Protein backbone atom coordinates (compact mmCIF):
# COMPACT_ATOMS: atom_id res chain seq x y z
CA MET A 1 117.06 66.98 141.76
CA SER A 2 119.61 67.60 144.47
CA ASP A 3 122.08 70.38 143.72
CA ASP A 4 124.80 68.41 145.46
CA LEU A 5 124.89 64.83 144.24
CA ALA A 6 128.20 64.25 145.99
CA ALA A 7 126.45 64.72 149.33
CA LEU A 8 123.92 61.95 148.69
CA ARG A 9 125.01 58.91 150.68
CA ALA A 10 123.66 56.32 153.06
CA GLU A 11 125.52 54.23 155.58
CA TYR A 12 125.42 50.50 154.99
CA GLY A 13 124.73 47.88 157.63
CA ASP A 14 127.18 45.43 159.09
CA THR A 15 125.73 42.09 157.99
CA GLY A 16 128.81 41.04 156.07
CA LEU A 17 129.79 38.08 153.94
CA ASP A 18 132.65 36.02 155.33
CA GLU A 19 134.43 33.24 153.51
CA ALA A 20 133.50 30.83 156.31
CA ASP A 21 129.80 31.49 155.73
CA ALA A 22 129.88 31.49 151.91
CA ALA A 23 128.98 28.35 149.98
CA THR A 24 131.85 26.67 148.13
CA ASP A 25 129.63 26.53 145.02
CA PRO A 26 128.57 29.93 143.60
CA TRP A 27 125.30 28.50 142.34
CA ILE A 28 124.32 27.56 145.90
CA GLN A 29 125.33 31.02 147.13
CA TRP A 30 123.36 32.70 144.34
CA ARG A 31 120.25 30.68 145.16
CA ARG A 32 120.56 31.59 148.86
CA TRP A 33 120.66 35.28 148.04
CA PHE A 34 117.92 35.03 145.43
CA GLU A 35 115.65 33.29 147.94
CA ASP A 36 116.43 36.08 150.42
CA ALA A 37 115.39 38.65 147.80
CA VAL A 38 112.12 36.82 147.17
CA ALA A 39 111.42 36.43 150.90
CA ALA A 40 112.09 40.15 151.44
CA GLY A 41 109.35 41.00 148.94
CA LEU A 42 111.62 42.88 146.54
CA HIS A 43 109.90 44.09 143.38
CA GLU A 44 110.90 41.75 140.54
CA PRO A 45 113.79 40.02 142.32
CA ASN A 46 114.53 38.26 139.03
CA ALA A 47 115.32 41.55 137.28
CA MET A 48 118.90 41.64 136.02
CA ILE A 49 121.00 44.00 133.96
CA VAL A 50 122.51 42.48 130.82
CA ALA A 51 125.62 44.26 129.51
CA THR A 52 126.91 43.59 126.01
CA VAL A 53 129.48 44.91 123.56
CA ASP A 54 128.63 45.17 119.87
CA ALA A 55 130.77 44.48 116.79
CA ASP A 56 132.16 48.04 116.94
CA GLY A 57 133.17 47.70 120.58
CA LEU A 58 130.34 49.91 121.90
CA PRO A 59 128.92 48.78 125.25
CA SER A 60 125.27 48.89 126.21
CA ALA A 61 123.20 47.66 129.14
CA ARG A 62 119.53 47.07 129.84
CA THR A 63 117.29 45.37 132.39
CA VAL A 64 115.63 42.08 131.50
CA LEU A 65 113.87 39.41 133.55
CA LEU A 66 115.61 36.17 134.41
CA LYS A 67 113.33 33.35 133.25
CA GLY A 68 115.22 30.24 134.22
CA VAL A 69 118.21 28.92 136.13
CA THR A 70 119.58 25.53 135.15
CA ALA A 71 122.86 23.67 135.52
CA ASP A 72 124.07 25.34 132.32
CA GLY A 73 123.36 28.95 133.26
CA PHE A 74 120.95 31.88 133.48
CA ARG A 75 118.18 32.09 130.87
CA PHE A 76 116.32 35.03 129.36
CA PHE A 77 114.24 35.62 126.25
CA THR A 78 114.09 38.51 123.81
CA ASN A 79 113.90 39.64 120.19
CA THR A 80 117.03 38.22 118.57
CA GLU A 81 117.20 41.18 116.16
CA SER A 82 117.15 43.74 118.97
CA ARG A 83 120.27 45.68 119.87
CA LYS A 84 121.26 43.12 122.50
CA GLY A 85 120.50 40.24 120.15
CA GLU A 86 122.73 41.68 117.44
CA ALA A 87 125.47 42.41 119.98
CA LEU A 88 125.39 38.86 121.34
CA ALA A 89 125.53 37.46 117.82
CA ALA A 90 128.70 39.47 117.18
CA ARG A 91 130.28 39.05 120.61
CA PRO A 92 128.67 36.48 122.91
CA ALA A 93 130.71 37.49 125.98
CA CYS A 94 128.45 39.43 128.34
CA ALA A 95 127.87 40.38 131.98
CA LEU A 96 124.86 40.18 134.27
CA LEU A 97 124.09 42.23 137.38
CA PHE A 98 121.46 41.43 140.00
CA PRO A 99 120.88 44.74 141.90
CA TRP A 100 119.24 43.84 145.20
CA HIS A 101 119.67 47.30 146.72
CA PRO A 102 117.22 47.00 149.65
CA LEU A 103 119.32 44.10 150.93
CA GLU A 104 122.54 46.05 150.31
CA ARG A 105 123.61 43.29 147.93
CA GLN A 106 124.47 42.79 144.31
CA VAL A 107 125.73 39.86 142.29
CA ARG A 108 127.87 40.26 139.20
CA VAL A 109 128.20 37.45 136.67
CA GLU A 110 130.54 37.34 133.68
CA GLY A 111 130.17 34.67 131.04
CA VAL A 112 129.22 33.74 127.50
CA ALA A 113 125.72 33.68 126.00
CA GLU A 114 124.47 30.90 123.77
CA ARG A 115 121.19 30.64 121.88
CA LEU A 116 118.62 28.27 123.35
CA SER A 117 117.09 25.50 121.30
CA GLN A 118 113.87 26.13 119.40
CA ALA A 119 112.12 23.61 121.64
CA ASP A 120 113.11 25.62 124.74
CA VAL A 121 111.98 28.85 123.10
CA GLU A 122 108.61 27.42 122.05
CA ALA A 123 107.99 25.95 125.52
CA TYR A 124 108.60 29.29 127.23
CA PHE A 125 106.69 31.33 124.62
CA ALA A 126 103.64 29.09 125.11
CA SER A 127 103.69 29.92 128.84
CA ARG A 128 103.52 33.68 128.28
CA PRO A 129 100.26 35.65 128.60
CA ARG A 130 98.55 36.06 125.25
CA GLY A 131 99.03 39.83 125.36
CA SER A 132 102.79 39.37 125.70
CA GLN A 133 102.79 36.90 122.82
CA LEU A 134 100.99 39.40 120.59
CA GLY A 135 103.33 42.15 121.73
CA ALA A 136 106.32 40.12 120.56
CA TRP A 137 104.82 40.11 117.06
CA ALA A 138 103.80 43.76 117.10
CA SER A 139 107.13 45.22 118.24
CA ARG A 140 110.27 45.26 116.13
CA GLN A 141 112.35 45.75 119.24
CA SER A 142 115.00 48.51 119.20
CA ARG A 143 113.81 49.85 115.83
CA VAL A 144 112.70 53.49 115.46
CA VAL A 145 108.92 53.99 115.32
CA ALA A 146 106.94 57.08 114.35
CA GLY A 147 104.99 57.11 117.60
CA ARG A 148 102.85 55.16 120.04
CA ASP A 149 100.04 54.96 117.50
CA GLU A 150 102.23 52.90 115.18
CA LEU A 151 102.64 50.27 117.89
CA ALA A 152 98.92 50.29 118.67
CA VAL A 153 98.06 49.70 115.01
CA ALA A 154 100.59 46.89 114.74
CA TYR A 155 99.17 45.26 117.86
CA ARG A 156 95.59 45.41 116.54
CA GLU A 157 96.74 43.87 113.27
CA VAL A 158 98.37 40.85 114.91
CA GLU A 159 95.43 40.56 117.31
CA GLU A 160 93.13 40.16 114.31
CA ARG A 161 95.62 37.93 112.50
CA PHE A 162 95.73 35.36 115.30
CA GLU A 163 92.16 35.68 116.53
CA GLY A 164 90.77 32.33 117.61
CA ARG A 165 94.06 30.44 117.39
CA ASP A 166 97.31 29.99 119.22
CA VAL A 167 100.03 32.59 118.72
CA PRO A 168 103.19 31.03 117.26
CA VAL A 169 106.74 32.09 118.11
CA PRO A 170 107.91 34.96 115.88
CA THR A 171 110.90 34.12 113.71
CA ASP A 172 112.90 36.96 115.28
CA TRP A 173 112.26 35.91 118.88
CA GLY A 174 114.40 33.55 120.93
CA GLY A 175 116.26 32.85 124.12
CA TYR A 176 119.76 32.79 125.55
CA VAL A 177 121.57 30.99 128.31
CA VAL A 178 124.50 32.79 129.92
CA ARG A 179 127.14 30.31 131.05
CA PRO A 180 129.08 31.92 133.92
CA ARG A 181 132.86 32.12 134.01
CA SER A 182 132.87 34.09 137.26
CA PHE A 183 130.54 35.32 140.02
CA GLU A 184 131.06 38.22 142.40
CA PHE A 185 128.95 38.57 145.54
CA TRP A 186 128.91 42.11 146.97
CA GLN A 187 127.60 42.93 150.44
CA GLY A 188 127.56 46.50 151.73
CA ARG A 189 129.48 47.21 154.96
CA ARG A 190 130.04 50.21 157.19
CA GLY A 191 132.70 52.71 156.22
CA ARG A 192 132.48 51.54 152.61
CA LEU A 193 134.60 48.50 153.51
CA HIS A 194 132.26 46.30 151.52
CA ASP A 195 132.62 42.53 151.21
CA ARG A 196 133.40 41.28 147.72
CA LEU A 197 133.86 37.56 147.15
CA ARG A 198 134.68 36.43 143.63
CA TYR A 199 134.26 32.86 142.43
CA ALA A 200 136.44 32.10 139.41
CA GLU A 201 136.04 29.05 137.21
CA ALA A 202 138.89 26.53 137.56
CA ASP A 203 139.66 23.03 136.32
CA SER A 204 138.85 21.55 139.72
CA GLY A 205 135.69 23.59 140.31
CA TRP A 206 135.62 27.16 141.64
CA THR A 207 138.19 29.23 143.48
CA ILE A 208 137.10 31.94 145.93
CA GLU A 209 139.03 35.16 146.41
CA ARG A 210 138.31 38.38 148.27
CA LEU A 211 138.49 41.67 146.40
CA ALA A 212 139.25 45.03 147.98
CA PRO A 213 136.19 47.30 148.00
């Protein structure tokens, strides 16, 4: 590791994000940038950081994979009794971050998470690879385990349990949709004078404002 972290820096490009070029609808702007990330061949462009606050006010963040974008928001799936699941049950307000570093871009989203319907959960779970389905049964996400062997044993047990038949959705597994209240599109610029355009929810649609970097 470098002995001088303060000296680690890289100059950004000068692509920019001007108000005149930004879509009036943040969903359109998000899709443009997401398609750019896919076209650029970024590893897991649908990876996003989900930040939550639990009942005691303690924040936590983790990376999950975005698994759907609809008119109502961003969707992801997880164990509902995990740390993030318990936090969202206590305080549904949360934040998302799409870190597209190779493009010198990031998108921040703030909103409220809601549980998806059982029908939505079952439809997505059925589309997962069988190994991932079995893993959802074998892992009590966020709980302390004695070691890797404990997980391996649990996996073999559920593998035998569901041999020859479809794997159902575990009772502690579900999905969430994050309904945005605001978006912020960040584009790196030279001299650290980055572009930051924030879309805020309003009665008549969305307002756009520029933030100082």
